[in-house]
Amino acid sequence: MPCPNGVNIPRVFETYNEGLIYNHQDGARQAYTRWIPELERANNCIDCNNCEDLCPQSILVSQWMPVVHGVLGEGKPYVKSLPV
């Protein structure tokens, strides 16, 4: 953070992780579409990698954002790690 394109990275990951941890995927999907404004959702990631350069956890944010949006915004199955 901050994402130059406005993606609310911490909130998007928090929503995704809570759905996974608490096995409440439907609730996470509803929270994503109801409580995260469209302009702050993962599908707005433009793969600029600015966030990755600043991430203290070395998360591959630009690779996760399409996965997270697929799960929360399009109803695809949850994944625990990035596809190889």
Protein backbone atom coordinates (compact mmCIF):
# COMPACT_ATOMS: atom_id res chain seq x y z
CA MET A 1 0.00 0.00 0.00
CA PRO A 2 -0.68 2.35 -1.41
CA CYS A 3 -1.53 0.74 -4.71
CA PRO A 4 -1.14 3.25 -7.55
CA ASN A 5 -4.33 1.84 -9.09
CA GLY A 6 -6.37 1.96 -5.87
CA VAL A 7 -6.59 -1.74 -5.01
CA ASN A 8 -7.13 -2.13 -1.27
CA ILE A 9 -4.59 -4.93 -0.99
CA PRO A 10 -4.82 -5.54 2.78
CA ARG A 11 -8.61 -5.65 2.77
CA VAL A 12 -8.77 -7.88 -0.29
CA PHE A 13 -6.32 -10.36 1.26
CA GLU A 14 -8.09 -10.18 4.63
CA THR A 15 -11.42 -11.06 3.00
CA TYR A 16 -9.88 -13.92 1.04
CA ASN A 17 -8.00 -15.31 4.03
CA GLU A 18 -10.99 -15.17 6.36
CA GLY A 19 -13.05 -17.17 3.88
CA LEU A 20 -10.31 -19.77 3.71
CA ILE A 21 -9.41 -19.93 7.41
CA TYR A 22 -12.98 -20.07 8.69
CA ASN A 23 -14.31 -22.18 5.80
CA HIS A 24 -16.83 -19.46 5.02
CA GLN A 25 -16.27 -18.90 1.33
CA ASP A 26 -19.79 -17.68 0.56
CA GLY A 27 -19.56 -15.06 3.29
CA ALA A 28 -16.20 -13.88 1.97
CA ARG A 29 -17.61 -13.60 -1.54
CA GLN A 30 -20.54 -11.56 -0.25
CA ALA A 31 -18.24 -9.31 1.77
CA TYR A 32 -16.02 -8.76 -1.28
CA THR A 33 -18.86 -7.66 -3.53
CA ARG A 34 -20.83 -5.83 -0.85
CA TRP A 35 -18.20 -4.08 1.26
CA ILE A 36 -15.20 -3.55 -1.00
CA PRO A 37 -15.90 -0.81 -3.55
CA GLU A 38 -15.46 -1.89 -7.17
CA LEU A 39 -12.48 0.41 -7.68
CA GLU A 40 -10.67 -1.21 -4.73
CA ARG A 41 -11.15 -4.84 -5.82
CA ALA A 42 -8.42 -7.21 -6.97
CA ASN A 43 -9.43 -7.11 -10.64
CA ASN A 44 -8.12 -3.54 -10.81
CA CYS A 45 -4.54 -4.70 -10.34
CA ILE A 46 -2.50 -3.68 -13.38
CA ASP A 47 0.47 -5.90 -12.55
CA CYS A 48 2.84 -2.97 -12.02
CA ASN A 49 4.62 -4.78 -9.15
CA ASN A 50 5.07 -1.56 -7.13
CA CYS A 51 3.42 -3.22 -4.13
CA GLU A 52 5.72 -6.23 -4.33
CA ASP A 53 8.78 -4.01 -4.06
CA LEU A 54 7.35 -2.58 -0.82
CA CYS A 55 5.80 -5.72 0.67
CA PRO A 56 7.58 -6.72 3.90
CA GLN A 57 6.26 -10.29 3.51
CA SER A 58 7.48 -10.66 -0.09
CA ILE A 59 4.00 -11.66 -1.27
CA LEU A 60 3.62 -11.97 -5.04
CA VAL A 61 0.66 -9.61 -4.97
CA SER A 62 0.34 -9.13 -8.73
CA GLN A 63 0.11 -12.89 -9.19
CA TRP A 64 -2.39 -13.33 -6.37
CA MET A 65 -4.80 -10.56 -7.40
CA PRO A 66 -6.27 -12.41 -10.44
CA VAL A 67 -6.61 -15.55 -8.32
CA VAL A 68 -8.31 -13.68 -5.48
CA HIS A 69 -10.72 -11.93 -7.82
CA GLY A 70 -11.48 -15.21 -9.55
CA VAL A 71 -12.39 -16.78 -6.23
CA LEU A 72 -14.22 -13.87 -4.59
CA GLY A 73 -15.60 -12.08 -7.62
CA GLU A 74 -16.28 -14.95 -10.02
CA GLY A 75 -16.95 -17.89 -7.68
CA LYS A 76 -13.96 -20.02 -8.66
CA PRO A 77 -12.66 -22.56 -6.11
CA TYR A 78 -10.37 -21.42 -3.32
CA VAL A 79 -6.66 -22.14 -3.62
CA LYS A 80 -4.04 -22.17 -0.86
CA SER A 81 -1.05 -21.49 -3.07
CA LEU A 82 -0.34 -20.06 -6.48
CA PRO A 83 -0.48 -22.45 -9.42
CA VAL A 84 2.97 -23.41 -10.67
